[in-house]
Amino acid sequence: MFKCDCCGECCKHIDIEEFKIPGTTICKYLTKDNKCSIYEHRPIICNIDKGYKFFKDIMTLEEWYQINYTACKELKDMKMNK
């Protein structure tokens, strides 16, 4: 299972218009404590483990996790460098 530290950075940099707070890149379902208010019903793009089904034929689960951990680190680094 993907280990998320709930920093909320991925939810503050989304590209899906229907989920954004108007005029921002922040998901309208992100709570003040960096949790998802629709967690049990979140889209598949927000679920690393379920999203793997689209890539299982071209990479291992460990590779998929590493790609996502790298993206997570890059978002955190962007925040630190502001």
N, C-alpha and C. Protein backbone atom coordinates (compact mmCIF):
# COMPACT_ATOMS: atom_id res chain seq x y z
N MET A 1 0.84 -1.18 0.00
CA MET A 1 0.00 0.00 0.00
C MET A 1 0.89 1.25 0.00
N PHE A 2 0.53 2.24 -0.83
CA PHE A 2 1.27 3.49 -0.90
C PHE A 2 1.17 4.21 0.44
N LYS A 3 2.31 4.64 0.95
CA LYS A 3 2.35 5.32 2.24
C LYS A 3 2.36 6.83 2.04
N CYS A 4 1.22 7.43 2.26
CA CYS A 4 1.04 8.88 2.11
C CYS A 4 1.21 9.53 3.47
N ASP A 5 1.94 10.65 3.51
CA ASP A 5 2.11 11.35 4.79
C ASP A 5 1.10 12.50 4.96
N CYS A 6 0.15 12.59 4.04
CA CYS A 6 -0.95 13.57 4.11
C CYS A 6 -0.46 15.02 4.19
N CYS A 7 0.56 15.34 3.41
CA CYS A 7 1.05 16.72 3.38
C CYS A 7 0.09 17.63 2.60
N GLY A 8 -0.70 17.03 1.69
CA GLY A 8 -1.68 17.78 0.91
C GLY A 8 -1.13 18.45 -0.33
N GLU A 9 0.16 18.33 -0.59
CA GLU A 9 0.75 19.02 -1.74
C GLU A 9 0.18 18.54 -3.07
N CYS A 10 -0.09 17.26 -3.21
CA CYS A 10 -0.66 16.78 -4.48
C CYS A 10 -2.06 17.35 -4.69
N CYS A 11 -2.77 17.58 -3.61
CA CYS A 11 -4.13 18.13 -3.69
C CYS A 11 -4.13 19.65 -3.87
N LYS A 12 -2.97 20.25 -3.76
CA LYS A 12 -2.85 21.70 -3.95
C LYS A 12 -2.33 22.04 -5.34
N HIS A 13 -2.10 21.02 -6.16
CA HIS A 13 -1.56 21.21 -7.51
C HIS A 13 -2.30 20.31 -8.51
N ILE A 14 -3.60 20.44 -8.59
CA ILE A 14 -4.37 19.57 -9.48
C ILE A 14 -4.70 20.28 -10.79
N ASP A 15 -4.96 19.47 -11.80
CA ASP A 15 -5.30 19.98 -13.13
C ASP A 15 -6.74 19.68 -13.53
N ILE A 16 -7.50 19.03 -12.68
CA ILE A 16 -8.87 18.65 -13.01
C ILE A 16 -9.80 19.80 -12.62
N GLU A 17 -10.29 20.51 -13.63
CA GLU A 17 -11.09 21.71 -13.40
C GLU A 17 -12.28 21.49 -12.48
N GLU A 18 -12.98 20.39 -12.66
CA GLU A 18 -14.19 20.16 -11.87
C GLU A 18 -13.91 19.98 -10.38
N PHE A 19 -12.65 19.72 -10.01
CA PHE A 19 -12.30 19.54 -8.61
C PHE A 19 -11.62 20.75 -7.99
N LYS A 20 -11.24 21.72 -8.81
CA LYS A 20 -10.51 22.89 -8.30
C LYS A 20 -11.41 23.91 -7.63
N ILE A 21 -10.86 24.55 -6.61
CA ILE A 21 -11.48 25.77 -6.10
C ILE A 21 -11.28 26.80 -7.20
N PRO A 22 -12.32 27.46 -7.66
CA PRO A 22 -12.18 28.41 -8.78
C PRO A 22 -11.03 29.40 -8.56
N GLY A 23 -10.23 29.56 -9.61
CA GLY A 23 -9.11 30.49 -9.57
C GLY A 23 -7.86 29.96 -8.88
N THR A 24 -7.87 28.68 -8.51
CA THR A 24 -6.71 28.08 -7.84
C THR A 24 -6.36 26.75 -8.48
N THR A 25 -5.35 26.10 -7.95
CA THR A 25 -5.02 24.72 -8.33
C THR A 25 -5.29 23.78 -7.16
N ILE A 26 -6.05 24.25 -6.18
CA ILE A 26 -6.33 23.48 -4.96
C ILE A 26 -7.64 22.72 -5.10
N CYS A 27 -7.62 21.46 -4.71
CA CYS A 27 -8.82 20.63 -4.75
C CYS A 27 -9.84 21.13 -3.74
N LYS A 28 -11.07 21.27 -4.20
CA LYS A 28 -12.12 21.77 -3.32
C LYS A 28 -12.50 20.76 -2.24
N TYR A 29 -12.02 19.54 -2.34
CA TYR A 29 -12.32 18.52 -1.35
C TYR A 29 -11.21 18.36 -0.30
N LEU A 30 -10.17 19.16 -0.39
CA LEU A 30 -9.08 19.12 0.58
C LEU A 30 -9.52 19.87 1.84
N THR A 31 -9.42 19.20 2.98
CA THR A 31 -9.81 19.83 4.24
C THR A 31 -8.64 20.61 4.83
N LYS A 32 -8.92 21.39 5.86
CA LYS A 32 -7.87 22.20 6.50
C LYS A 32 -6.76 21.35 7.10
N ASP A 33 -7.06 20.13 7.45
CA ASP A 33 -6.03 19.25 8.01
C ASP A 33 -5.43 18.31 6.95
N ASN A 34 -5.53 18.74 5.68
CA ASN A 34 -4.94 18.02 4.54
C ASN A 34 -5.50 16.62 4.34
N LYS A 35 -6.74 16.43 4.61
CA LYS A 35 -7.42 15.16 4.36
C LYS A 35 -8.40 15.38 3.20
N CYS A 36 -8.84 14.29 2.63
CA CYS A 36 -9.80 14.35 1.53
C CYS A 36 -11.20 14.16 2.09
N SER A 37 -12.07 15.11 1.82
CA SER A 37 -13.43 15.01 2.34
C SER A 37 -14.29 14.00 1.56
N ILE A 38 -13.78 13.53 0.42
CA ILE A 38 -14.50 12.49 -0.34
C ILE A 38 -13.61 11.25 -0.49
N TYR A 39 -12.77 11.01 0.47
CA TYR A 39 -11.75 9.96 0.39
C TYR A 39 -12.30 8.62 -0.10
N GLU A 40 -13.37 8.16 0.46
CA GLU A 40 -13.93 6.86 0.08
C GLU A 40 -14.49 6.86 -1.34
N HIS A 41 -14.74 8.05 -1.90
CA HIS A 41 -15.32 8.16 -3.24
C HIS A 41 -14.44 8.99 -4.18
N ARG A 42 -13.17 9.15 -3.82
CA ARG A 42 -12.26 9.97 -4.63
C ARG A 42 -12.03 9.34 -6.00
N PRO A 43 -11.70 10.16 -7.00
CA PRO A 43 -11.47 9.62 -8.34
C PRO A 43 -10.23 8.73 -8.35
N ILE A 44 -10.17 7.85 -9.32
CA ILE A 44 -9.07 6.89 -9.39
C ILE A 44 -7.71 7.58 -9.52
N ILE A 45 -7.67 8.75 -10.14
CA ILE A 45 -6.41 9.46 -10.29
C ILE A 45 -5.82 9.87 -8.92
N CYS A 46 -6.68 9.93 -7.94
CA CYS A 46 -6.26 10.29 -6.58
C CYS A 46 -5.93 9.07 -5.73
N ASN A 47 -6.03 7.89 -6.31
CA ASN A 47 -5.80 6.66 -5.57
C ASN A 47 -4.64 5.90 -6.21
N ILE A 48 -3.46 6.04 -5.63
CA ILE A 48 -2.24 5.44 -6.19
C ILE A 48 -2.41 3.93 -6.37
N ASP A 49 -2.94 3.26 -5.37
CA ASP A 49 -3.06 1.81 -5.45
C ASP A 49 -4.02 1.36 -6.55
N LYS A 50 -5.17 1.99 -6.66
CA LYS A 50 -6.12 1.61 -7.71
C LYS A 50 -5.62 2.04 -9.09
N GLY A 51 -4.91 3.16 -9.16
CA GLY A 51 -4.39 3.65 -10.43
C GLY A 51 -3.35 2.73 -11.05
N TYR A 52 -2.73 1.92 -10.24
CA TYR A 52 -1.69 1.00 -10.74
C TYR A 52 -2.24 0.04 -11.79
N LYS A 53 -3.52 -0.26 -11.76
CA LYS A 53 -4.08 -1.22 -12.71
C LYS A 53 -3.85 -0.79 -14.16
N PHE A 54 -3.68 0.49 -14.40
CA PHE A 54 -3.45 0.98 -15.75
C PHE A 54 -1.99 0.79 -16.21
N PHE A 55 -1.10 0.50 -15.26
CA PHE A 55 0.32 0.41 -15.57
C PHE A 55 0.93 -0.94 -15.25
N LYS A 56 0.13 -1.86 -14.73
CA LYS A 56 0.65 -3.14 -14.26
C LYS A 56 1.31 -3.98 -15.35
N ASP A 57 0.98 -3.73 -16.59
CA ASP A 57 1.58 -4.50 -17.69
C ASP A 57 2.93 -3.93 -18.13
N ILE A 58 3.26 -2.73 -17.66
CA ILE A 58 4.52 -2.12 -18.11
C ILE A 58 5.51 -1.82 -16.99
N MET A 59 5.08 -2.01 -15.72
CA MET A 59 6.00 -1.78 -14.61
C MET A 59 5.53 -2.54 -13.38
N THR A 60 6.46 -2.70 -12.46
CA THR A 60 6.11 -3.36 -11.21
C THR A 60 5.43 -2.36 -10.28
N LEU A 61 4.78 -2.88 -9.27
CA LEU A 61 4.14 -2.02 -8.28
C LEU A 61 5.19 -1.16 -7.57
N GLU A 62 6.33 -1.71 -7.32
CA GLU A 62 7.41 -0.95 -6.67
C GLU A 62 7.86 0.21 -7.55
N GLU A 63 7.96 -0.01 -8.86
CA GLU A 63 8.33 1.07 -9.79
C GLU A 63 7.25 2.15 -9.80
N TRP A 64 5.99 1.75 -9.80
CA TRP A 64 4.87 2.68 -9.77
C TRP A 64 4.91 3.53 -8.50
N TYR A 65 5.14 2.88 -7.38
CA TYR A 65 5.25 3.62 -6.12
C TYR A 65 6.41 4.60 -6.18
N GLN A 66 7.55 4.18 -6.72
CA GLN A 66 8.71 5.06 -6.78
C GLN A 66 8.43 6.29 -7.63
N ILE A 67 7.75 6.13 -8.74
CA ILE A 67 7.37 7.26 -9.58
C ILE A 67 6.52 8.24 -8.77
N ASN A 68 5.59 7.71 -8.01
CA ASN A 68 4.70 8.57 -7.22
C ASN A 68 5.41 9.19 -6.03
N TYR A 69 6.32 8.47 -5.39
CA TYR A 69 7.11 9.05 -4.30
C TYR A 69 8.00 10.17 -4.83
N THR A 70 8.54 9.99 -6.04
CA THR A 70 9.38 11.02 -6.66
C THR A 70 8.55 12.27 -6.94
N ALA A 71 7.36 12.09 -7.50
CA ALA A 71 6.48 13.23 -7.78
C ALA A 71 6.12 13.95 -6.48
N CYS A 72 5.86 13.18 -5.44
CA CYS A 72 5.54 13.75 -4.13
C CYS A 72 6.71 14.60 -3.62
N LYS A 73 7.90 14.06 -3.71
CA LYS A 73 9.09 14.80 -3.26
C LYS A 73 9.28 16.08 -4.05
N GLU A 74 9.05 16.03 -5.36
CA GLU A 74 9.19 17.23 -6.20
C GLU A 74 8.19 18.31 -5.78
N LEU A 75 6.96 17.93 -5.47
CA LEU A 75 5.97 18.90 -5.01
C LEU A 75 6.39 19.51 -3.67
N LYS A 76 6.90 18.70 -2.78
CA LYS A 76 7.37 19.20 -1.49
C LYS A 76 8.56 20.12 -1.66
N ASP A 77 9.47 19.77 -2.57
CA ASP A 77 10.64 20.61 -2.84
C ASP A 77 10.23 21.95 -3.41
N MET A 78 9.20 21.96 -4.29
CA MET A 78 8.70 23.23 -4.86
C MET A 78 8.20 24.13 -3.74
N LYS A 79 7.49 23.54 -2.79
CA LYS A 79 6.96 24.31 -1.66
C LYS A 79 8.10 24.91 -0.84
N MET A 80 9.14 24.12 -0.62
CA MET A 80 10.28 24.57 0.20
C MET A 80 11.07 25.69 -0.50
N ASN A 81 11.06 25.69 -1.83
CA ASN A 81 11.85 26.66 -2.59
C ASN A 81 11.10 27.93 -2.93
N LYS A 82 9.89 28.08 -2.40
CA LYS A 82 9.12 29.31 -2.66
C LYS A 82 9.63 30.45 -1.83
